[in-house]
Each structure stands twice: as C-alpha cells, then as structure tokens.
Amino acid sequence: MFNEQELRALSDTVRTTLSEKRFRHTEGVEEEIVRMGKIYLPDRIDELRAAALLHDVAKELTVDEQIGICRENGDPELETAIHSPAILHGHAAAYMIPKYHPKFNLPEIISAIYKHTTGAEKMSVFDKLLFLADFIEPNRPWKFCQKARAEFWKRMPDEEVLRLPHLDLFVLSVLEFTLRYLRDRGTVPDPTTERAANALRKQYPNQTLPLQGETE
C-alpha cells in the first residue's frame, strides 16, 4: 500500500510536529505494532505503521484546539468526550488526516486512530492492534504497561486459533485497568470505554483475564 520512502517521509513530517518525548513514544508504537502485525495482520504492516505514526499528531495541540477540530468536523461523540479531555486527541487526529495527510486517509487508519484512546464497542483487529500497541510500547515507563507488554509476548499462543482470544483478553485487561484507574482517582470514565469493556466481557464471560486487579 505504502512504500518505505513514503513511510519515512511521513515519519520525518510527524517528527517536526511533536516534542522529542512524544515522537519517541510514536516510534515505540510503530515498533510494537509491526511486531504484533507480523502475527495478526501480516499483509497490513504498512497501514499499521502509518496509523502508529499518525495516532498522536493532535496530542500536543491545546484542548481548545482539539475541541475546535472535533466540532468543525461534527464529531458525534464530542459532547461526551469533552468531559474527558485526555481522549480528545485521538478524535482530533482522525479528523486531521484527510486534510494534512491525505495519502493516508484510509478507513481502517482513521478508525483505529479515532478509537485508540477509548476502545469501542465494535473494534476490528486493526483497531485492537493500535489500541494495545499504544499502551504497551517499550518506551512506556509505567509498571502496568511494562507488565502487560511482557505478559502479552510471554503468553502468545502457538496455535493460530487461540491468538485472537489472546489479543482480545489483553485489550479487555487494559480497558478494565483504565476503568479502575480512573474511578480510583475520582474520575468518571468516558462511556465509550465502558461500552468497549462490556462488549468484550460478553464475548468472554467465563475467562480469567491475564492481568487482573492491578491499579497502578
């Protein structure tokens, strides 16, 4: 879909718009999603890389700028997302891509970027890979992120038929952790995150989560 020259050019462009710390995170997400993509979507590596490179392009805009972008584009979730400002950059980034990076304006890239901060009730494998790669990329300093990454790769099943449930249960673990973390700090989670977790809970009602109960 995209050649190496185009992806390197995109990386160089994104680098100019982000701080060094944020771009290092972006590179980590790209590294992680390539590793995951080779297992789950080996024919979509280029699109996954593009999604990783673009997922945080709105992160360092002000909240007012992010809201303005979402409002200008008629974001259907803005009125609830506005109460959780930390998630807005995913929505804003999705709307920025057609304007600033039109070559990469593909539905699967837009969808994954829009959902990467909250998850969603309906998520494709592509969506789940960006969501999880963003959380467990190797530059994340937090204990739970590091544990999630180590356990994800340690427990990777040999059998292909078990690999989608493996991915789903780790996504659910991250969603559950996020809900606990926010509530423990007196913050009301965005309802999209709750719906995302509920959808996976219903899909795997009797499964023990690989990461359960941690709050930090």
Foldseek 3Di string as FASTA:
>chain_A
DDDPVVLVVLLVVLPVQDDPVVSVLLVLLLVQLLVVCVLVPVPCNVLLNNLSSQLQSQVPPDLVVLLVQCVVVVPVQSVLCVLVSNLSRLLSSLSCCCVPPVVSNDPLSSVLSNQLRAHALDDDPSNLSSNLSSQQRPVDPDPVSVVLNVLLVVPQDPDSVCRVVSSLLSSLLVLVLVCLQQVVVVHHDRVRSVSNNVSSCVVVVPDDRPDPDDND
